[in-house]
């Protein structure tokens, strides 16, 4: 998860300066991925409730016109007895001039070999 989240936000264009994660849903970035977001910049929870969304959008606007990326967790699956993990992440910019711009779902193949965990491949999934 950690490697996938790092790569996803590193390749996001425009470069995000703040991060959001869904709150209380299966789209929420798991804890280890959330810690990666926190290490990279200010990080907020983003609720599915419209009133709460309005409040966080207001808070982001007051803080400045920085690119804010909502990272959306699309799931993971393990294979090879836990030595291989496929992680799927997507994103959407919230607020500022990028508001509503979506990042397509990317599937990361993360594998463990004798030197540790590495991203073996990554690819954007076709648009639905």
Protein backbone atom coordinates (compact mmCIF):
# COMPACT_ATOMS: atom_id res chain seq x y z
CA UNK A 1 0.00 0.00 0.00
CA UNK A 2 2.71 2.45 1.00
CA UNK A 3 4.62 2.16 -2.28
CA UNK A 4 1.46 2.47 -4.35
CA UNK A 5 0.25 5.61 -2.54
CA UNK A 6 3.70 7.24 -2.79
CA UNK A 7 3.86 6.56 -6.53
CA UNK A 8 0.27 7.64 -7.16
CA UNK A 9 0.67 11.04 -5.54
CA UNK A 10 4.17 11.55 -7.00
CA UNK A 11 2.81 11.11 -10.54
CA UNK A 12 -0.37 13.16 -10.03
CA UNK A 13 -0.60 16.24 -12.25
CA UNK A 14 -0.84 18.94 -11.11
CA UNK A 15 1.33 18.09 -8.14
CA UNK A 16 -0.92 17.95 -5.04
CA UNK A 17 0.07 19.98 -2.02
CA UNK A 18 -2.76 18.83 0.27
CA UNK A 19 -4.51 15.50 0.54
CA UNK A 20 -7.93 14.18 1.41
CA UNK A 21 -9.15 10.68 2.16
CA UNK A 22 -12.71 9.45 2.28
CA UNK A 23 -14.05 9.02 5.79
CA UNK A 24 -16.02 6.01 6.98
CA UNK A 25 -16.37 4.28 3.60
CA UNK A 26 -14.64 1.45 1.76
CA UNK A 27 -13.01 4.16 -0.40
CA UNK A 28 -10.96 5.40 2.57
CA UNK A 29 -7.21 4.97 2.20
CA UNK A 30 -6.07 2.33 4.72
CA UNK A 31 -4.03 3.52 7.72
CA UNK A 32 -0.57 2.85 6.25
CA UNK A 33 -1.48 4.75 3.07
CA UNK A 34 -3.02 7.58 5.09
CA UNK A 35 0.28 7.98 6.95
CA UNK A 36 2.03 8.41 3.60
CA UNK A 37 -0.39 11.24 2.75
CA UNK A 38 0.27 12.88 6.12
CA UNK A 39 4.02 12.69 5.53
CA UNK A 40 3.64 14.47 2.17
CA UNK A 41 1.44 17.36 3.28
CA UNK A 42 -1.62 18.56 5.17
CA UNK A 43 -4.21 15.77 5.14
CA UNK A 44 -7.96 15.93 5.79
CA UNK A 45 -10.85 13.50 6.01
CA UNK A 46 -13.50 13.98 3.32
CA UNK A 47 -17.01 12.91 4.26
CA UNK A 48 -19.77 11.75 1.93
CA UNK A 49 -22.08 14.18 3.79
CA UNK A 50 -22.65 17.33 1.70
CA UNK A 51 -22.64 19.65 4.74
CA UNK A 52 -19.30 18.27 5.92
CA UNK A 53 -17.93 18.53 2.37
CA UNK A 54 -18.91 22.19 2.21
CA UNK A 55 -17.11 22.85 5.50
CA UNK A 56 -13.88 21.17 4.38
CA UNK A 57 -14.03 23.01 1.03
CA UNK A 58 -14.37 26.30 2.92
CA UNK A 59 -11.40 25.38 5.13
CA UNK A 60 -9.30 24.54 2.07
CA UNK A 61 -10.26 27.82 0.36
CA UNK A 62 -9.28 29.87 3.41
CA UNK A 63 -5.92 28.08 3.64
CA UNK A 64 -5.03 29.04 0.06
CA UNK A 65 -5.32 28.01 -3.59
CA UNK A 66 -3.30 24.83 -3.33
CA UNK A 67 -3.97 21.66 -5.33
CA UNK A 68 -5.90 19.31 -3.00
CA UNK A 69 -6.18 15.66 -4.05
CA UNK A 70 -8.81 13.27 -2.74
CA UNK A 71 -7.13 9.84 -2.93
CA UNK A 72 -9.68 7.08 -3.43
CA UNK A 73 -8.90 3.50 -2.46
CA UNK A 74 -10.40 0.98 -4.91
CA UNK A 75 -9.24 -2.19 -3.16
CA UNK A 76 -6.45 -4.70 -3.06
CA UNK A 77 -5.92 -8.38 -3.66
CA UNK A 78 -3.13 -10.65 -2.49
CA UNK A 79 -1.60 -13.52 -4.42
CA UNK A 80 1.44 -15.77 -4.19
CA UNK A 81 0.86 -16.43 -0.50
CA UNK A 82 1.02 -12.75 0.37
CA UNK A 83 4.22 -12.08 -1.60
CA UNK A 84 2.30 -10.14 -4.25
CA UNK A 85 -0.36 -7.47 -3.83
CA UNK A 86 -2.39 -5.59 -6.42
CA UNK A 87 -3.56 -2.18 -5.20
CA UNK A 88 -6.00 0.09 -7.04
CA UNK A 89 -6.11 3.86 -6.42
CA UNK A 90 -7.97 6.75 -8.05
CA UNK A 91 -8.25 10.43 -7.30
CA UNK A 92 -10.11 13.68 -7.74
CA UNK A 93 -9.04 17.26 -7.11
CA UNK A 94 -11.18 19.20 -4.65
CA UNK A 95 -11.42 22.99 -4.66
CA UNK A 96 -9.25 25.58 -6.38
CA UNK A 97 -8.96 25.73 -10.16
CA UNK A 98 -8.57 21.94 -10.51
CA UNK A 99 -11.91 21.23 -8.78
CA UNK A 100 -13.52 18.09 -10.16
CA UNK A 101 -10.54 16.94 -12.27
CA UNK A 102 -10.36 13.17 -11.92
CA UNK A 103 -7.36 10.87 -12.03
CA UNK A 104 -8.09 7.51 -13.57
CA UNK A 105 -7.84 4.36 -11.49
CA UNK A 106 -4.32 2.98 -11.47
CA UNK A 107 -3.53 -0.64 -10.67
CA UNK A 108 -0.21 -1.27 -8.92
CA UNK A 109 1.40 -4.70 -8.87
CA UNK A 110 3.59 -4.72 -5.74
CA UNK A 111 5.87 -7.72 -5.29
CA UNK A 112 8.26 -8.93 -2.61
CA UNK A 113 11.58 -10.43 -3.69
CA UNK A 114 14.89 -11.06 -1.94
CA UNK A 115 15.53 -7.28 -1.69
CA UNK A 116 12.10 -6.33 -0.31
CA UNK A 117 8.86 -4.86 -1.64
CA UNK A 118 8.88 -3.13 -5.04
CA UNK A 119 6.38 -1.89 -7.60
CA UNK A 120 6.62 -4.46 -10.38
CA UNK A 121 4.24 -2.56 -12.66
CA UNK A 122 1.56 0.08 -12.73
CA UNK A 123 -1.05 0.95 -15.33
CA UNK A 124 -4.08 3.18 -15.63
CA UNK A 125 -7.28 1.24 -16.12
CA UNK A 126 -9.46 2.06 -19.11
CA UNK A 127 -12.14 4.69 -18.50
CA UNK A 128 -15.53 3.12 -17.64
